[in-house]
Amino acid sequence: MTNTASTITTVVSLDQLLAAVRELRISGRWTRAADLLDAADASDARDRARLAVAAAEVALERDWFGGTSLAGARLDAAERACGEGKEARPQGDWELDFLRLRHGYLGLVRVDGRFRPGPDGKDPAALTALRTSAENLRDRAPDAVRRGWAEMYLGLVADNLLAERDLAPAHYEAALRAGESGDDLLSREALRHLGDHDHDSGDHPRALERWRRATELGARAGTVPGTLSQQLLLAVLARDTGDEAGAAALAREVARWAGAIGAVTTEAQANAFLAGADPTAPPSPGAAGR
């Protein structure tokens, strides 16, 4: 692995490079992560595929938090890179297919820049295909953690796209069990959504317990934008328990910090919360958004 950004060639381990990129990605340093990957070169087709898949993941995370539309082109490039060496594809296919699943989910749950859950106005075939893709990924996952991520998205598809909210918690519980075997980000994601169900059912103490734990796990894993979005949920609970001043103070800081790192979707959610919106509210009957 060489760095080609200057006249000096630096040889580094691909695993170390990808580990550094991962830390930059989850901390919200998407430009630096992408630049680092673009500056790297590899002679082996398998390594080039891994670099391309990592670049697609950086772009997708930026799309989610930063409101960009970069992942589609990066996913196409990763597809081409993975196709260079068929022997490199079996495991690489899972990672790339999972990114395709996440990209497809984002495209269906965020419409015209706004979070719009539910099936209204969406192609039923596309929704069914997304669930089928998640099921296939779960069934051929090479390890428990990746199986857990597929379970997580089965829950998200049921919860936020198919209006089958009662089916989602079982998937989140499966994801949580997998995360507890060694993936704090997966555990955080599962706890975040399990807490949402607790909140909607009126069990605020349980929601608080899960959301506090999710915040802690996200911070430990280094996800700056994810921790900010989780802090906004704690602001929701503060408002629910009558602490409007505390809720507003926390939301203002979330908006300020999210804006500072370019996490514009979280910034917009925090500002909407300050204006009175509830980011956890279910969609109105017959409505596509919330």
C-alpha atoms as a PDB file:
ATOM      1  CA  MET A   1       0.000   0.000   0.000  1.00  0.00           C
ATOM      2  CA  THR A   2       1.526   3.333  -1.054  1.00  0.00           C
ATOM      3  CA  ASN A   3       0.569   6.950  -0.617  1.00  0.00           C
ATOM      4  CA  THR A   4       0.764   8.700  -3.985  1.00  0.00           C
ATOM      5  CA  ALA A   5      -0.181  12.230  -2.875  1.00  0.00           C
ATOM      6  CA  SER A   6       3.439  13.433  -2.907  1.00  0.00           C
ATOM      7  CA  THR A   7       6.791  12.536  -4.420  1.00  0.00           C
ATOM      8  CA  ILE A   8       7.543  10.512  -1.311  1.00  0.00           C
ATOM      9  CA  THR A   9       6.266   6.949  -1.397  1.00  0.00           C
ATOM     10  CA  THR A  10       5.130   5.582   1.939  1.00  0.00           C
ATOM     11  CA  VAL A  11       4.371   1.909   2.372  1.00  0.00           C
ATOM     12  CA  VAL A  12       1.721   1.164   4.984  1.00  0.00           C
ATOM     13  CA  SER A  13      -0.314  -1.864   5.942  1.00  0.00           C
ATOM     14  CA  LEU A  14      -3.702  -1.908   4.242  1.00  0.00           C
ATOM     15  CA  ASP A  15      -5.322  -3.088   7.453  1.00  0.00           C
ATOM     16  CA  GLN A  16      -3.812  -0.150   9.340  1.00  0.00           C
ATOM     17  CA  LEU A  17      -4.876   2.287   6.639  1.00  0.00           C
ATOM     18  CA  LEU A  18      -8.457   1.019   6.662  1.00  0.00           C
ATOM     19  CA  ALA A  19      -8.551   1.117  10.453  1.00  0.00           C
ATOM     20  CA  ALA A  20      -7.491   4.778  10.367  1.00  0.00           C
ATOM     21  CA  VAL A  21     -10.071   5.545   7.685  1.00  0.00           C
ATOM     22  CA  ARG A  22     -12.766   3.882   9.777  1.00  0.00           C
ATOM     23  CA  GLU A  23     -11.934   6.081  12.758  1.00  0.00           C
ATOM     24  CA  LEU A  24     -12.011   9.194  10.566  1.00  0.00           C
ATOM     25  CA  ARG A  25     -15.307   8.095   9.014  1.00  0.00           C
ATOM     26  CA  ILE A  26     -17.202   7.475  12.213  1.00  0.00           C
ATOM     27  CA  SER A  27     -15.831  10.660  13.788  1.00  0.00           C
ATOM     28  CA  GLY A  28     -17.308  12.729  10.961  1.00  0.00           C
ATOM     29  CA  ARG A  29     -13.995  13.509   9.218  1.00  0.00           C
ATOM     30  CA  TRP A  30     -15.355  12.375   5.865  1.00  0.00           C
ATOM     31  CA  THR A  31     -13.249  14.594   3.614  1.00  0.00           C
ATOM     32  CA  ARG A  32     -10.018  13.497   5.269  1.00  0.00           C
ATOM     33  CA  ALA A  33     -11.068   9.837   5.111  1.00  0.00           C
ATOM     34  CA  ALA A  34     -11.942  10.074   1.412  1.00  0.00           C
ATOM     35  CA  ASP A  35      -8.748  11.963   0.596  1.00  0.00           C
ATOM     36  CA  LEU A  36      -6.661   9.337   2.368  1.00  0.00           C
ATOM     37  CA  LEU A  37      -8.286   6.542   0.385  1.00  0.00           C
ATOM     38  CA  ASP A  38      -7.981   8.417  -2.900  1.00  0.00           C
ATOM     39  CA  ALA A  39      -4.278   9.002  -2.250  1.00  0.00           C
ATOM     40  CA  ALA A  40      -3.639   5.286  -1.732  1.00  0.00           C
ATOM     41  CA  ASP A  41      -2.647   2.858  -4.455  1.00  0.00           C
ATOM     42  CA  ALA A  42      -2.483  -0.910  -4.525  1.00  0.00           C
ATOM     43  CA  SER A  43      -1.200  -3.382  -7.065  1.00  0.00           C
ATOM     44  CA  ASP A  44      -3.425  -6.247  -5.948  1.00  0.00           C
ATOM     45  CA  ALA A  45      -7.028  -6.413  -7.231  1.00  0.00           C
ATOM     46  CA  ARG A  46      -8.289  -7.616  -3.856  1.00  0.00           C
ATOM     47  CA  ASP A  47      -6.712  -4.631  -2.112  1.00  0.00           C
ATOM     48  CA  ARG A  48      -8.103  -2.203  -4.678  1.00  0.00           C
ATOM     49  CA  ALA A  49     -11.546  -3.658  -4.064  1.00  0.00           C
ATOM     50  CA  ARG A  50     -11.202  -3.152  -0.317  1.00  0.00           C
ATOM     51  CA  LEU A  51     -10.159   0.458  -0.849  1.00  0.00           C
ATOM     52  CA  ALA A  52     -13.119   1.095  -3.137  1.00  0.00           C
ATOM     53  CA  VAL A  53     -15.605  -0.476  -0.723  1.00  0.00           C
ATOM     54  CA  ALA A  54     -14.188   1.627   2.123  1.00  0.00           C
ATOM     55  CA  ALA A  55     -14.549   4.777  -0.006  1.00  0.00           C
ATOM     56  CA  ALA A  56     -18.189   3.903  -0.691  1.00  0.00           C
ATOM     57  CA  GLU A  57     -18.820   3.493   3.023  1.00  0.00           C
ATOM     58  CA  VAL A  58     -17.289   6.897   3.754  1.00  0.00           C
ATOM     59  CA  ALA A  59     -19.502   8.493   1.096  1.00  0.00           C
ATOM     60  CA  LEU A  60     -22.612   6.774   2.428  1.00  0.00           C
ATOM     61  CA  GLU A  61     -21.968   7.949   5.966  1.00  0.00           C
ATOM     62  CA  ARG A  62     -21.454  11.472   4.679  1.00  0.00           C
ATOM     63  CA  ASP A  63     -24.719  11.265   2.739  1.00  0.00           C
ATOM     64  CA  TRP A  64     -26.562  10.185   5.885  1.00  0.00           C
ATOM     65  CA  PHE A  65     -25.285  12.867   8.229  1.00  0.00           C
ATOM     66  CA  GLY A  66     -24.119  15.531   5.794  1.00  0.00           C
ATOM     67  CA  GLY A  67     -27.009  15.539   3.339  1.00  0.00           C
ATOM     68  CA  THR A  68     -24.775  14.877   0.317  1.00  0.00           C
ATOM     69  CA  SER A  69     -25.392  12.480  -2.591  1.00  0.00           C
ATOM     70  CA  LEU A  70     -21.991  10.897  -3.074  1.00  0.00           C
ATOM     71  CA  ALA A  71     -22.503   7.225  -2.374  1.00  0.00           C
ATOM     72  CA  GLY A  72     -24.089   6.180  -5.672  1.00  0.00           C
ATOM     73  CA  ALA A  73     -20.995   6.902  -7.760  1.00  0.00           C
ATOM     74  CA  ARG A  74     -18.700   5.410  -5.130  1.00  0.00           C
ATOM     75  CA  LEU A  75     -20.777   2.235  -4.971  1.00  0.00           C
ATOM     76  CA  ASP A  76     -20.581   1.878  -8.749  1.00  0.00           C
ATOM     77  CA  ALA A  77     -16.804   2.284  -8.569  1.00  0.00           C
ATOM     78  CA  ALA A  78     -16.629  -0.341  -5.813  1.00  0.00           C
ATOM     79  CA  GLU A  79     -18.696  -2.712  -7.945  1.00  0.00           C
ATOM     80  CA  ARG A  80     -16.192  -2.340 -10.784  1.00  0.00           C
ATOM     81  CA  ALA A  81     -13.235  -2.796  -8.447  1.00  0.00           C
ATOM     82  CA  CYS A  82     -14.720  -5.921  -6.897  1.00  0.00           C
ATOM     83  CA  GLY A  83     -15.278  -7.315 -10.384  1.00  0.00           C
ATOM     84  CA  GLU A  84     -11.582  -7.118 -11.242  1.00  0.00           C
ATOM     85  CA  GLY A  85     -10.811 -10.325  -9.382  1.00  0.00           C
ATOM     86  CA  LYS A  86     -13.552 -12.913  -9.093  1.00  0.00           C
ATOM     87  CA  GLU A  87     -11.585 -14.793  -6.435  1.00  0.00           C
ATOM     88  CA  ALA A  88     -11.849 -11.706  -4.208  1.00  0.00           C
ATOM     89  CA  ARG A  89     -15.607 -11.462  -4.448  1.00  0.00           C
ATOM     90  CA  PRO A  90     -17.290 -13.932  -2.034  1.00  0.00           C
ATOM     91  CA  GLN A  91     -16.708 -11.955   1.184  1.00  0.00           C
ATOM     92  CA  GLY A  92     -16.347  -8.644  -0.602  1.00  0.00           C
ATOM     93  CA  ASP A  93     -19.767  -9.161  -2.108  1.00  0.00           C
ATOM     94  CA  TRP A  94     -21.368  -9.214   1.336  1.00  0.00           C
ATOM     95  CA  GLU A  95     -19.817  -5.894   2.327  1.00  0.00           C
ATOM     96  CA  LEU A  96     -20.729  -4.264  -0.958  1.00  0.00           C
ATOM     97  CA  ASP A  97     -24.251  -5.693  -0.958  1.00  0.00           C
ATOM     98  CA  PHE A  98     -24.743  -4.436   2.585  1.00  0.00           C
ATOM     99  CA  LEU A  99     -23.720  -0.947   1.491  1.00  0.00           C
ATOM    100  CA  ARG A 100     -26.212  -1.223  -1.379  1.00  0.00           C
ATOM    101  CA  LEU A 101     -28.876  -2.169   1.150  1.00  0.00           C
ATOM    102  CA  ARG A 102     -28.049   0.824   3.329  1.00  0.00           C
ATOM    103  CA  HIS A 103     -28.023   3.138   0.329  1.00  0.00           C
ATOM    104  CA  GLY A 104     -31.378   1.811  -0.823  1.00  0.00           C
ATOM    105  CA  TYR A 105     -32.834   2.255   2.651  1.00  0.00           C
ATOM    106  CA  LEU A 106     -31.598   5.847   2.831  1.00  0.00           C
ATOM    107  CA  GLY A 107     -33.136   6.613  -0.550  1.00  0.00           C
ATOM    108  CA  LEU A 108     -36.519   5.321   0.560  1.00  0.00           C
ATOM    109  CA  VAL A 109     -36.623   6.761   4.063  1.00  0.00           C
ATOM    110  CA  ARG A 110     -35.309  10.224   3.155  1.00  0.00           C
ATOM    111  CA  VAL A 111     -37.275  11.883   0.378  1.00  0.00           C
ATOM    112  CA  ASP A 112     -36.456  15.355  -0.908  1.00  0.00           C
ATOM    113  CA  GLY A 113     -34.032  15.807   1.948  1.00  0.00           C
ATOM    114  CA  ARG A 114     -36.578  14.995   4.653  1.00  0.00           C
ATOM    115  CA  PHE A 115     -37.135  11.918   6.792  1.00  0.00           C
ATOM    116  CA  ARG A 116     -40.323  10.353   5.442  1.00  0.00           C
ATOM    117  CA  PRO A 117     -41.098   6.973   6.985  1.00  0.00           C
ATOM    118  CA  GLY A 118     -43.854   4.621   5.951  1.00  0.00           C
ATOM    119  CA  PRO A 119     -44.847   3.039   2.637  1.00  0.00           C
ATOM    120  CA  ASP A 120     -47.098   5.839   1.363  1.00  0.00           C
ATOM    121  CA  GLY A 121     -46.097   7.041  -2.082  1.00  0.00           C
ATOM    122  CA  LYS A 122     -43.290   4.482  -2.389  1.00  0.00           C
ATOM    123  CA  ASP A 123     -42.874   1.619  -4.845  1.00  0.00           C
ATOM    124  CA  PRO A 124     -44.085  -1.576  -3.092  1.00  0.00           C
ATOM    125  CA  ALA A 125     -41.720  -3.671  -5.221  1.00  0.00           C
ATOM    126  CA  ALA A 126     -38.748  -1.604  -4.060  1.00  0.00           C
ATOM    127  CA  LEU A 127     -39.780  -2.019  -0.422  1.00  0.00           C
ATOM    128  CA  THR A 128     -40.167  -5.777  -0.815  1.00  0.00           C
ATOM    129  CA  ALA A 129     -36.840  -6.043  -2.619  1.00  0.00           C
ATOM    130  CA  LEU A 130     -35.108  -4.185   0.216  1.00  0.00           C
ATOM    131  CA  ARG A 131     -36.485  -6.599   2.800  1.00  0.00           C
ATOM    132  CA  THR A 132     -35.499  -9.586   0.657  1.00  0.00           C
ATOM    133  CA  SER A 133     -31.985  -8.192   0.315  1.00  0.00           C
ATOM    134  CA  ALA A 134     -31.688  -7.818   4.088  1.00  0.00           C
ATOM    135  CA  GLU A 135     -32.921 -11.385   4.600  1.00  0.00           C
ATOM    136  CA  ASN A 136     -30.386 -12.700   2.113  1.00  0.00           C
ATOM    137  CA  LEU A 137     -27.595 -10.782   3.803  1.00  0.00           C
ATOM    138  CA  ARG A 138     -28.605 -12.177   7.164  1.00  0.00           C
ATOM    139  CA  ASP A 139     -28.674 -15.728   5.839  1.00  0.00           C
ATOM    140  CA  ARG A 140     -25.238 -15.555   4.221  1.00  0.00           C
ATOM    141  CA  ALA A 141     -23.470 -13.352   6.767  1.00  0.00           C
ATOM    142  CA  PRO A 142     -19.937 -14.667   7.419  1.00  0.00           C
ATOM    143  CA  ASP A 143     -20.057 -13.966  11.170  1.00  0.00           C
ATOM    144  CA  ALA A 144     -22.381 -13.075  14.033  1.00  0.00           C
ATOM    145  CA  VAL A 145     -21.733  -9.314  13.944  1.00  0.00           C
ATOM    146  CA  ARG A 146     -22.521  -8.975  10.262  1.00  0.00           C
ATOM    147  CA  ARG A 147     -25.589 -11.133  10.744  1.00  0.00           C
ATOM    148  CA  GLY A 148     -26.548  -8.689  13.484  1.00  0.00           C
ATOM    149  CA  TRP A 149     -26.221  -5.734  11.121  1.00  0.00           C
ATOM    150  CA  ALA A 150     -28.527  -7.439   8.648  1.00  0.00           C
ATOM    151  CA  GLU A 151     -31.006  -8.013  11.486  1.00  0.00           C
ATOM    152  CA  MET A 152     -30.723  -4.332  12.359  1.00  0.00           C
ATOM    153  CA  TYR A 153     -31.779  -3.343   8.867  1.00  0.00           C
ATOM    154  CA  LEU A 154     -34.590  -5.869   8.824  1.00  0.00           C
ATOM    155  CA  GLY A 155     -35.883  -4.029  11.867  1.00  0.00           C
ATOM    156  CA  LEU A 156     -35.403  -0.618  10.262  1.00  0.00           C
ATOM    157  CA  VAL A 157     -37.182  -1.673   7.076  1.00  0.00           C
ATOM    158  CA  ALA A 158     -40.113  -3.051   9.078  1.00  0.00           C
ATOM    159  CA  ASP A 159     -40.180  -0.036  11.397  1.00  0.00           C
ATOM    160  CA  ASN A 160     -39.613   2.892   9.075  1.00  0.00           C
ATOM    161  CA  LEU A 161     -40.660   1.696   5.626  1.00  0.00           C
ATOM    162  CA  LEU A 162     -43.288  -1.034   5.896  1.00  0.00           C
ATOM    163  CA  ALA A 163     -45.274   0.301   8.875  1.00  0.00           C
ATOM    164  CA  GLU A 164     -44.844  -3.079  10.599  1.00  0.00           C
ATOM    165  CA  ARG A 165     -43.643  -1.595  13.835  1.00  0.00           C
ATOM    166  CA  ASP A 166     -44.562  -4.589  15.952  1.00  0.00           C
ATOM    167  CA  LEU A 167     -42.092  -6.781  14.017  1.00  0.00           C
ATOM    168  CA  ALA A 168     -39.067  -4.542  14.478  1.00  0.00           C
ATOM    169  CA  PRO A 169     -38.084  -5.075  18.153  1.00  0.00           C
ATOM    170  CA  ALA A 170     -37.278  -8.769  17.659  1.00  0.00           C
ATOM    171  CA  HIS A 171     -34.794  -7.812  14.953  1.00  0.00           C
ATOM    172  CA  TYR A 172     -33.295  -5.110  17.171  1.00  0.00           C
ATOM    173  CA  GLU A 173     -32.930  -7.580  20.033  1.00  0.00           C
ATOM    174  CA  ALA A 174     -31.083  -9.976  17.715  1.00  0.00           C
ATOM    175  CA  ALA A 175     -28.860  -7.103  16.592  1.00  0.00           C
ATOM    176  CA  LEU A 176     -28.156  -6.158  20.208  1.00  0.00           C
ATOM    177  CA  ARG A 177     -27.099  -9.709  21.064  1.00  0.00           C
ATOM    178  CA  ALA A 178     -24.717  -9.702  18.115  1.00  0.00           C
ATOM    179  CA  GLY A 179     -23.348  -6.283  19.008  1.00  0.00           C
ATOM    180  CA  GLU A 180     -22.601  -7.386  22.533  1.00  0.00           C
ATOM    181  CA  SER A 181     -20.177  -9.915  21.077  1.00  0.00           C
ATOM    182  CA  GLY A 182     -17.888  -7.110  19.937  1.00  0.00           C
ATOM    183  CA  ASP A 183     -19.419  -4.162  18.047  1.00  0.00           C
ATOM    184  CA  ASP A 184     -20.304  -1.094  20.100  1.00  0.00           C
ATOM    185  CA  LEU A 185     -21.764   0.704  17.079  1.00  0.00           C
ATOM    186  CA  LEU A 186     -24.192  -2.130  16.422  1.00  0.00           C
ATOM    187  CA  SER A 187     -25.194  -2.247  20.090  1.00  0.00           C
ATOM    188  CA  ARG A 188     -25.695   1.519  20.038  1.00  0.00           C
ATOM    189  CA  GLU A 189     -27.901   1.338  16.987  1.00  0.00           C
ATOM    190  CA  ALA A 190     -30.045  -1.445  18.453  1.00  0.00           C
ATOM    191  CA  LEU A 191     -30.429   0.294  21.819  1.00  0.00           C
ATOM    192  CA  ARG A 192     -31.324   3.550  20.083  1.00  0.00           C
ATOM    193  CA  HIS A 193     -34.270   1.960  18.315  1.00  0.00           C
ATOM    194  CA  LEU A 194     -35.359  -0.276  21.181  1.00  0.00           C
ATOM    195  CA  GLY A 195     -35.452   2.862  23.312  1.00  0.00           C
ATOM    196  CA  ASP A 196     -37.643   4.502  20.693  1.00  0.00           C
ATOM    197  CA  HIS A 197     -40.180   1.700  21.141  1.00  0.00           C
ATOM    198  CA  ASP A 198     -39.981   2.089  24.925  1.00  0.00           C
ATOM    199  CA  HIS A 199     -40.568   5.808  24.542  1.00  0.00           C
ATOM    200  CA  ASP A 200     -43.576   5.348  22.291  1.00  0.00           C
ATOM    201  CA  SER A 201     -45.106   2.853  24.711  1.00  0.00           C
ATOM    202  CA  GLY A 202     -44.725   5.335  27.566  1.00  0.00           C
ATOM    203  CA  ASP A 203     -41.911   3.511  29.380  1.00  0.00           C
ATOM    204  CA  HIS A 204     -39.678   6.564  29.769  1.00  0.00           C
ATOM    205  CA  PRO A 205     -37.382   5.086  32.454  1.00  0.00           C
ATOM    206  CA  ARG A 206     -36.539   2.155  30.177  1.00  0.00           C
ATOM    207  CA  ALA A 207     -36.066   4.483  27.216  1.00  0.00           C
ATOM    208  CA  LEU A 208     -33.741   6.666  29.286  1.00  0.00           C
ATOM    209  CA  GLU A 209     -31.698   3.644  30.358  1.00  0.00           C
ATOM    210  CA  ARG A 210     -31.306   2.427  26.794  1.00  0.00           C
ATOM    211  CA  TRP A 211     -30.644   5.852  25.298  1.00  0.00           C
ATOM    212  CA  ARG A 212     -28.037   6.700  27.911  1.00  0.00           C
ATOM    213  CA  ARG A 213     -26.297   3.404  27.225  1.00  0.00           C
ATOM    214  CA  ALA A 214     -26.474   4.025  23.482  1.00  0.00           C
ATOM    215  CA  THR A 215     -24.901   7.463  23.969  1.00  0.00           C
ATOM    216  CA  GLU A 216     -22.099   5.954  26.034  1.00  0.00           C
ATOM    217  CA  LEU A 217     -21.393   3.212  23.501  1.00  0.00           C
ATOM    218  CA  GLY A 218     -21.397   5.659  20.613  1.00  0.00           C
ATOM    219  CA  ALA A 219     -18.945   7.929  22.387  1.00  0.00           C
ATOM    220  CA  ARG A 220     -16.691   4.981  23.223  1.00  0.00           C
ATOM    221  CA  ALA A 221     -16.719   3.879  19.588  1.00  0.00           C
ATOM    222  CA  GLY A 222     -15.839   7.402  18.470  1.00  0.00           C
ATOM    223  CA  THR A 223     -18.949   8.311  16.477  1.00  0.00           C
ATOM    224  CA  VAL A 224     -19.201  12.062  16.888  1.00  0.00           C
ATOM    225  CA  PRO A 225     -22.261  12.653  14.642  1.00  0.00           C
ATOM    226  CA  GLY A 226     -23.955   9.546  16.025  1.00  0.00           C
ATOM    227  CA  THR A 227     -23.407  10.683  19.604  1.00  0.00           C
ATOM    228  CA  LEU A 228     -24.896  14.078  18.788  1.00  0.00           C
ATOM    229  CA  SER A 229     -28.000  12.477  17.277  1.00  0.00           C
ATOM    230  CA  GLN A 230     -28.300  10.338  20.380  1.00  0.00           C
ATOM    231  CA  GLN A 231     -28.019  13.379  22.640  1.00  0.00           C
ATOM    232  CA  LEU A 232     -31.029  14.827  20.832  1.00  0.00           C
ATOM    233  CA  LEU A 233     -33.080  11.842  21.990  1.00  0.00           C
ATOM    234  CA  LEU A 234     -32.086  12.614  25.566  1.00  0.00           C
ATOM    235  CA  ALA A 235     -33.396  16.127  24.950  1.00  0.00           C
ATOM    236  CA  VAL A 236     -36.708  14.548  23.886  1.00  0.00           C
ATOM    237  CA  LEU A 237     -36.949  12.747  27.210  1.00  0.00           C
ATOM    238  CA  ALA A 238     -36.059  15.914  29.110  1.00  0.00           C
ATOM    239  CA  ARG A 239     -38.957  17.693  27.420  1.00  0.00           C
ATOM    240  CA  ASP A 240     -41.279  14.742  28.105  1.00  0.00           C
ATOM    241  CA  THR A 241     -40.505  14.902  31.811  1.00  0.00           C
ATOM    242  CA  GLY A 242     -41.127  18.652  31.999  1.00  0.00           C
ATOM    243  CA  ASP A 243     -37.571  19.920  31.830  1.00  0.00           C
ATOM    244  CA  GLU A 244     -38.047  22.225  28.858  1.00  0.00           C
ATOM    245  CA  ALA A 245     -35.110  24.432  29.808  1.00  0.00           C
ATOM    246  CA  GLY A 246     -32.760  21.474  29.970  1.00  0.00           C
ATOM    247  CA  ALA A 247     -34.152  20.051  26.732  1.00  0.00           C
ATOM    248  CA  ALA A 248     -33.658  23.340  24.901  1.00  0.00           C
ATOM    249  CA  ALA A 249     -30.142  23.834  26.256  1.00  0.00           C
ATOM    250  CA  LEU A 250     -29.085  20.377  25.134  1.00  0.00           C
ATOM    251  CA  ALA A 251     -30.719  20.722  21.703  1.00  0.00           C
ATOM    252  CA  ARG A 252     -29.037  24.088  21.127  1.00  0.00           C
ATOM    253  CA  GLU A 253     -25.653  22.522  21.784  1.00  0.00           C
ATOM    254  CA  VAL A 254     -26.451  19.576  19.522  1.00  0.00           C
ATOM    255  CA  ALA A 255     -27.411  21.984  16.728  1.00  0.00           C
ATOM    256  CA  ARG A 256     -24.273  24.060  17.239  1.00  0.00           C
ATOM    257  CA  TRP A 257     -21.906  21.087  17.361  1.00  0.00           C
ATOM    258  CA  ALA A 258     -23.580  19.289  14.475  1.00  0.00           C
ATOM    259  CA  GLY A 259     -23.326  22.408  12.336  1.00  0.00           C
ATOM    260  CA  ALA A 260     -19.651  22.738  13.206  1.00  0.00           C
ATOM    261  CA  ILE A 261     -18.819  19.287  11.803  1.00  0.00           C
ATOM    262  CA  GLY A 262     -21.132  19.453   8.799  1.00  0.00           C
ATOM    263  CA  ALA A 263     -23.747  17.024  10.131  1.00  0.00           C
ATOM    264  CA  VAL A 264     -26.511  19.094   8.591  1.00  0.00           C
ATOM    265  CA  THR A 265     -29.293  16.539   9.013  1.00  0.00           C
ATOM    266  CA  THR A 266     -28.732  16.340  12.768  1.00  0.00           C
ATOM    267  CA  GLU A 267     -28.452  20.124  12.923  1.00  0.00           C
ATOM    268  CA  ALA A 268     -31.799  20.451  11.142  1.00  0.00           C
ATOM    269  CA  GLN A 269     -33.434  17.935  13.492  1.00  0.00           C
ATOM    270  CA  ALA A 270     -32.151  19.813  16.528  1.00  0.00           C
ATOM    271  CA  ASN A 271     -33.406  23.137  15.195  1.00  0.00           C
ATOM    272  CA  ALA A 272     -36.787  21.591  14.420  1.00  0.00           C
ATOM    273  CA  PHE A 273     -36.907  20.238  17.972  1.00  0.00           C
ATOM    274  CA  LEU A 274     -36.216  23.723  19.306  1.00  0.00           C
ATOM    275  CA  ALA A 275     -39.150  24.945  17.211  1.00  0.00           C
ATOM    276  CA  GLY A 276     -41.410  22.371  18.861  1.00  0.00           C
ATOM    277  CA  ALA A 277     -41.128  19.281  16.649  1.00  0.00           C
ATOM    278  CA  ASP A 278     -40.713  15.808  18.116  1.00  0.00           C
ATOM    279  CA  PRO A 279     -38.155  13.799  16.092  1.00  0.00           C
ATOM    280  CA  THR A 280     -39.541  10.564  17.554  1.00  0.00           C
ATOM    281  CA  ALA A 281     -43.189  11.204  16.692  1.00  0.00           C
ATOM    282  CA  PRO A 282     -44.811   8.597  14.417  1.00  0.00           C
ATOM    283  CA  PRO A 283     -46.150   9.803  11.077  1.00  0.00           C
ATOM    284  CA  SER A 284     -49.701  11.086  10.986  1.00  0.00           C
ATOM    285  CA  PRO A 285     -52.216   8.589   9.552  1.00  0.00           C
ATOM    286  CA  GLY A 286     -51.989   8.629   5.782  1.00  0.00           C
ATOM    287  CA  ALA A 287     -48.949  10.923   5.794  1.00  0.00           C
ATOM    288  CA  ALA A 288     -45.579  10.063   4.319  1.00  0.00           C
ATOM    289  CA  GLY A 289     -43.475  12.236   6.598  1.00  0.00           C
ATOM    290  CA  ARG A 290     -43.101  13.420  10.146  1.00  0.00           C
END
